[in-house]
């Protein structure tokens, strides 16, 4: 499986230097994960900040009438 072609600067930096994952802020990590999922075709929506629950909500249609979250 190949990674999506995301032109985001943060994604490019992490792709070139994977050790950067350990230095990302929680917000940067959420952004990266959301962009990766969107690049794979998932519908991605952020959740309200400060709700202390889920940071992103992502849905993918896996077949007729079937969805994965």
C-alpha atoms as a PDB file:
ATOM      1  CA  UNK A   1       0.000   0.000   0.000  1.00  0.00           C
ATOM      2  CA  UNK A   2       1.452   3.351  -0.968  1.00  0.00           C
ATOM      3  CA  UNK A   3       1.004   6.544   0.968  1.00  0.00           C
ATOM      4  CA  UNK A   4      -1.259   9.217  -0.467  1.00  0.00           C
ATOM      5  CA  UNK A   5       0.344  12.059  -2.401  1.00  0.00           C
ATOM      6  CA  UNK A   6      -0.092  14.872   0.123  1.00  0.00           C
ATOM      7  CA  UNK A   7       1.664  18.130  -0.671  1.00  0.00           C
ATOM      8  CA  UNK A   8       1.564  19.319   2.930  1.00  0.00           C
ATOM      9  CA  UNK A   9       4.886  20.610   4.314  1.00  0.00           C
ATOM     10  CA  UNK A  10       4.483  18.769   7.630  1.00  0.00           C
ATOM     11  CA  UNK A  11       3.816  15.465   5.865  1.00  0.00           C
ATOM     12  CA  UNK A  12       6.855  15.944   3.650  1.00  0.00           C
ATOM     13  CA  UNK A  13       9.081  16.681   6.642  1.00  0.00           C
ATOM     14  CA  UNK A  14       7.891  13.612   8.556  1.00  0.00           C
ATOM     15  CA  UNK A  15       8.202  11.450   5.455  1.00  0.00           C
ATOM     16  CA  UNK A  16      11.842  12.512   5.074  1.00  0.00           C
ATOM     17  CA  UNK A  17      12.596  12.364   8.815  1.00  0.00           C
ATOM     18  CA  UNK A  18      10.286   9.823  10.559  1.00  0.00           C
ATOM     19  CA  UNK A  19      11.950  10.509  13.903  1.00  0.00           C
ATOM     20  CA  UNK A  20      10.108  13.864  13.836  1.00  0.00           C
ATOM     21  CA  UNK A  21       6.928  12.031  14.876  1.00  0.00           C
ATOM     22  CA  UNK A  22       8.254  12.128  18.431  1.00  0.00           C
ATOM     23  CA  UNK A  23       8.562  15.917  18.351  1.00  0.00           C
ATOM     24  CA  UNK A  24       5.131  16.808  16.946  1.00  0.00           C
ATOM     25  CA  UNK A  25       2.657  18.633  19.121  1.00  0.00           C
ATOM     26  CA  UNK A  26      -0.676  16.873  19.672  1.00  0.00           C
ATOM     27  CA  UNK A  27      -2.307  19.293  17.198  1.00  0.00           C
ATOM     28  CA  UNK A  28       0.330  18.630  14.533  1.00  0.00           C
ATOM     29  CA  UNK A  29      -0.062  14.872  15.001  1.00  0.00           C
ATOM     30  CA  UNK A  30      -3.868  15.158  14.667  1.00  0.00           C
ATOM     31  CA  UNK A  31      -3.419  17.209  11.494  1.00  0.00           C
ATOM     32  CA  UNK A  32      -1.026  14.637  10.034  1.00  0.00           C
ATOM     33  CA  UNK A  33      -3.339  11.698  10.792  1.00  0.00           C
ATOM     34  CA  UNK A  34      -6.356  13.570   9.396  1.00  0.00           C
ATOM     35  CA  UNK A  35      -4.497  14.382   6.182  1.00  0.00           C
ATOM     36  CA  UNK A  36      -3.305  10.787   5.796  1.00  0.00           C
ATOM     37  CA  UNK A  37      -6.850   9.447   6.202  1.00  0.00           C
ATOM     38  CA  UNK A  38      -8.217  12.058   3.783  1.00  0.00           C
ATOM     39  CA  UNK A  39      -5.502  11.076   1.304  1.00  0.00           C
ATOM     40  CA  UNK A  40      -6.762   7.492   1.469  1.00  0.00           C
ATOM     41  CA  UNK A  41     -10.279   8.701   0.644  1.00  0.00           C
ATOM     42  CA  UNK A  42     -11.770   8.873   4.143  1.00  0.00           C
ATOM     43  CA  UNK A  43     -14.223  11.659   4.967  1.00  0.00           C
ATOM     44  CA  UNK A  44     -12.514  13.461   7.863  1.00  0.00           C
ATOM     45  CA  UNK A  45     -14.089  15.991  10.230  1.00  0.00           C
ATOM     46  CA  UNK A  46     -12.445  17.631  13.242  1.00  0.00           C
ATOM     47  CA  UNK A  47     -14.254  17.507  16.564  1.00  0.00           C
ATOM     48  CA  UNK A  48     -14.677  20.534  18.837  1.00  0.00           C
ATOM     49  CA  UNK A  49     -11.458  21.528  20.584  1.00  0.00           C
ATOM     50  CA  UNK A  50     -11.310  20.875  24.289  1.00  0.00           C
ATOM     51  CA  UNK A  51     -13.967  18.163  24.360  1.00  0.00           C
ATOM     52  CA  UNK A  52     -11.354  15.667  25.698  1.00  0.00           C
ATOM     53  CA  UNK A  53     -12.845  12.908  23.562  1.00  0.00           C
ATOM     54  CA  UNK A  54     -12.081  12.152  19.926  1.00  0.00           C
ATOM     55  CA  UNK A  55      -9.822  14.556  18.042  1.00  0.00           C
ATOM     56  CA  UNK A  56     -11.012  13.649  14.556  1.00  0.00           C
ATOM     57  CA  UNK A  57     -13.941  11.707  13.170  1.00  0.00           C
ATOM     58  CA  UNK A  58     -13.245   9.719   9.989  1.00  0.00           C
ATOM     59  CA  UNK A  59     -15.601   7.584   7.896  1.00  0.00           C
ATOM     60  CA  UNK A  60     -14.807   5.335   4.954  1.00  0.00           C
ATOM     61  CA  UNK A  61     -17.323   3.552   2.773  1.00  0.00           C
ATOM     62  CA  UNK A  62     -16.080  -0.040   2.538  1.00  0.00           C
ATOM     63  CA  UNK A  63     -18.864  -1.452   0.382  1.00  0.00           C
ATOM     64  CA  UNK A  64     -22.444  -0.832  -0.668  1.00  0.00           C
ATOM     65  CA  UNK A  65     -24.215   0.405   2.447  1.00  0.00           C
ATOM     66  CA  UNK A  66     -21.250  -0.386   4.730  1.00  0.00           C
ATOM     67  CA  UNK A  67     -19.128   2.180   6.532  1.00  0.00           C
ATOM     68  CA  UNK A  68     -16.099   1.916   8.817  1.00  0.00           C
ATOM     69  CA  UNK A  69     -15.253   4.529  11.453  1.00  0.00           C
END
